[in-house]
C-alpha atoms as a PDB file:
ATOM      1  CA  UNK A   1       8.382 142.323 201.696  1.00  0.00           C
ATOM      2  CA  UNK A   2       6.403 142.330 205.025  1.00  0.00           C
ATOM      3  CA  UNK A   3       7.284 142.278 208.640  1.00  0.00           C
ATOM      4  CA  UNK A   4       5.001 140.169 210.852  1.00  0.00           C
ATOM      5  CA  UNK A   5       4.754 138.865 214.440  1.00  0.00           C
ATOM      6  CA  UNK A   6       6.150 139.934 217.626  1.00  0.00           C
ATOM      7  CA  UNK A   7       9.561 138.832 216.991  1.00  0.00           C
ATOM      8  CA  UNK A   8       9.558 140.956 213.588  1.00  0.00           C
ATOM      9  CA  UNK A   9      10.753 138.238 211.119  1.00  0.00           C
ATOM     10  CA  UNK A  10      11.222 139.530 207.600  1.00  0.00           C
ATOM     11  CA  UNK A  11       9.306 137.789 205.087  1.00  0.00           C
ATOM     12  CA  UNK A  12      10.714 137.582 201.478  1.00  0.00           C
ATOM     13  CA  UNK A  13       9.195 135.742 198.547  1.00  0.00           C
ATOM     14  CA  UNK A  14       9.827 135.366 195.076  1.00  0.00           C
ATOM     15  CA  UNK A  15       8.834 133.671 191.728  1.00  0.00           C
ATOM     16  CA  UNK A  16      11.739 131.166 190.952  1.00  0.00           C
ATOM     17  CA  UNK A  17      14.981 129.870 192.479  1.00  0.00           C
ATOM     18  CA  UNK A  18      17.236 126.580 192.117  1.00  0.00           C
ATOM     19  CA  UNK A  19      19.206 124.342 194.459  1.00  0.00           C
ATOM     20  CA  UNK A  20      22.740 123.443 193.156  1.00  0.00           C
ATOM     21  CA  UNK A  21      25.003 120.703 194.466  1.00  0.00           C
ATOM     22  CA  UNK A  22      28.288 122.057 193.230  1.00  0.00           C
ATOM     23  CA  UNK A  23      27.780 123.302 189.950  1.00  0.00           C
ATOM     24  CA  UNK A  24      25.097 120.474 189.168  1.00  0.00           C
ATOM     25  CA  UNK A  25      21.437 121.358 189.471  1.00  0.00           C
ATOM     26  CA  UNK A  26      19.727 119.501 192.245  1.00  0.00           C
ATOM     27  CA  UNK A  27      16.235 121.117 192.012  1.00  0.00           C
ATOM     28  CA  UNK A  28      14.314 123.827 189.962  1.00  0.00           C
ATOM     29  CA  UNK A  29      11.782 125.717 192.172  1.00  0.00           C
ATOM     30  CA  UNK A  30       8.781 128.060 191.490  1.00  0.00           C
ATOM     31  CA  UNK A  31       7.252 130.245 193.989  1.00  0.00           C
ATOM     32  CA  UNK A  32       9.411 130.430 197.285  1.00  0.00           C
ATOM     33  CA  UNK A  33       9.309 132.200 200.649  1.00  0.00           C
ATOM     34  CA  UNK A  34      11.925 132.914 203.312  1.00  0.00           C
ATOM     35  CA  UNK A  35      10.656 133.658 206.868  1.00  0.00           C
ATOM     36  CA  UNK A  36      13.553 134.130 209.079  1.00  0.00           C
ATOM     37  CA  UNK A  37      16.018 131.285 208.257  1.00  0.00           C
ATOM     38  CA  UNK A  38      13.199 128.959 207.184  1.00  0.00           C
ATOM     39  CA  UNK A  39      12.992 128.480 203.310  1.00  0.00           C
ATOM     40  CA  UNK A  40       9.999 126.753 201.381  1.00  0.00           C
ATOM     41  CA  UNK A  41       9.248 126.568 197.728  1.00  0.00           C
ATOM     42  CA  UNK A  42       7.271 124.668 195.226  1.00  0.00           C
ATOM     43  CA  UNK A  43       9.160 122.045 193.497  1.00  0.00           C
ATOM     44  CA  UNK A  44       9.169 122.232 189.547  1.00  0.00           C
ATOM     45  CA  UNK A  45      11.965 119.448 189.160  1.00  0.00           C
ATOM     46  CA  UNK A  46      14.272 117.656 191.604  1.00  0.00           C
ATOM     47  CA  UNK A  47      17.197 115.369 191.002  1.00  0.00           C
ATOM     48  CA  UNK A  48      16.486 112.698 193.842  1.00  0.00           C
ATOM     49  CA  UNK A  49      20.170 111.893 194.374  1.00  0.00           C
ATOM     50  CA  UNK A  50      21.667 115.387 194.069  1.00  0.00           C
ATOM     51  CA  UNK A  51      19.100 116.965 196.718  1.00  0.00           C
ATOM     52  CA  UNK A  52      20.320 114.422 199.250  1.00  0.00           C
ATOM     53  CA  UNK A  53      24.036 115.366 199.002  1.00  0.00           C
ATOM     54  CA  UNK A  54      25.548 118.621 200.580  1.00  0.00           C
ATOM     55  CA  UNK A  55      26.648 121.046 200.601  1.00  0.00           C
ATOM     56  CA  UNK A  56      23.552 122.524 198.778  1.00  0.00           C
ATOM     57  CA  UNK A  57      23.205 126.192 197.670  1.00  0.00           C
ATOM     58  CA  UNK A  58      20.072 128.079 196.999  1.00  0.00           C
ATOM     59  CA  UNK A  59      20.223 130.383 194.045  1.00  0.00           C
ATOM     60  CA  UNK A  60      17.828 133.330 193.534  1.00  0.00           C
ATOM     61  CA  UNK A  61      18.165 135.226 190.243  1.00  0.00           C
ATOM     62  CA  UNK A  62      18.354 138.873 190.245  1.00  0.00           C
ATOM     63  CA  UNK A  63      17.603 141.359 187.516  1.00  0.00           C
ATOM     64  CA  UNK A  64      21.174 142.399 187.151  1.00  0.00           C
ATOM     65  CA  UNK A  65      22.112 138.529 186.215  1.00  0.00           C
ATOM     66  CA  UNK A  66      24.094 137.930 189.160  1.00  0.00           C
ATOM     67  CA  UNK A  67      22.061 135.538 191.620  1.00  0.00           C
ATOM     68  CA  UNK A  68      22.158 135.662 195.475  1.00  0.00           C
ATOM     69  CA  UNK A  69      23.418 132.552 196.854  1.00  0.00           C
ATOM     70  CA  UNK A  70      22.935 131.021 200.299  1.00  0.00           C
ATOM     71  CA  UNK A  71      23.809 127.711 201.683  1.00  0.00           C
ATOM     72  CA  UNK A  72      20.853 125.560 202.374  1.00  0.00           C
ATOM     73  CA  UNK A  73      20.618 122.789 204.970  1.00  0.00           C
ATOM     74  CA  UNK A  74      18.080 120.324 206.404  1.00  0.00           C
ATOM     75  CA  UNK A  75      16.135 119.951 202.996  1.00  0.00           C
ATOM     76  CA  UNK A  76      13.011 117.910 202.715  1.00  0.00           C
ATOM     77  CA  UNK A  77      10.859 117.414 199.996  1.00  0.00           C
ATOM     78  CA  UNK A  78       6.973 116.424 200.825  1.00  0.00           C
ATOM     79  CA  UNK A  79       3.953 116.751 198.563  1.00  0.00           C
ATOM     80  CA  UNK A  80       5.682 118.941 195.954  1.00  0.00           C
ATOM     81  CA  UNK A  81       7.130 121.307 198.447  1.00  0.00           C
ATOM     82  CA  UNK A  82      10.854 121.804 199.407  1.00  0.00           C
ATOM     83  CA  UNK A  83      11.763 123.060 202.896  1.00  0.00           C
ATOM     84  CA  UNK A  84      15.119 123.823 204.442  1.00  0.00           C
ATOM     85  CA  UNK A  85      16.994 126.216 206.435  1.00  0.00           C
ATOM     86  CA  UNK A  86      19.294 129.015 205.156  1.00  0.00           C
ATOM     87  CA  UNK A  87      22.861 129.223 206.435  1.00  0.00           C
ATOM     88  CA  UNK A  88      24.200 132.496 207.734  1.00  0.00           C
ATOM     89  CA  UNK A  89      27.313 133.667 206.192  1.00  0.00           C
END
């Protein structure tokens, strides 16, 4: 984790994550990055229909087996990268 810039945005990176539409898998992601509320990740697999639905939930696995879950909106996929905005709360 690193703090960068004059606004002190926290940057968090990880190796894998997934996006769900309800209980259904919408995307499997590789390396990802969160900077402020901006989320980006490499796309491993994607369901073209489910990823366009909402609400979407980002799931990040944790060593204890309980994933971190956050709402994800404004999702776009371009050239194998997924971008979106994390929802507070």
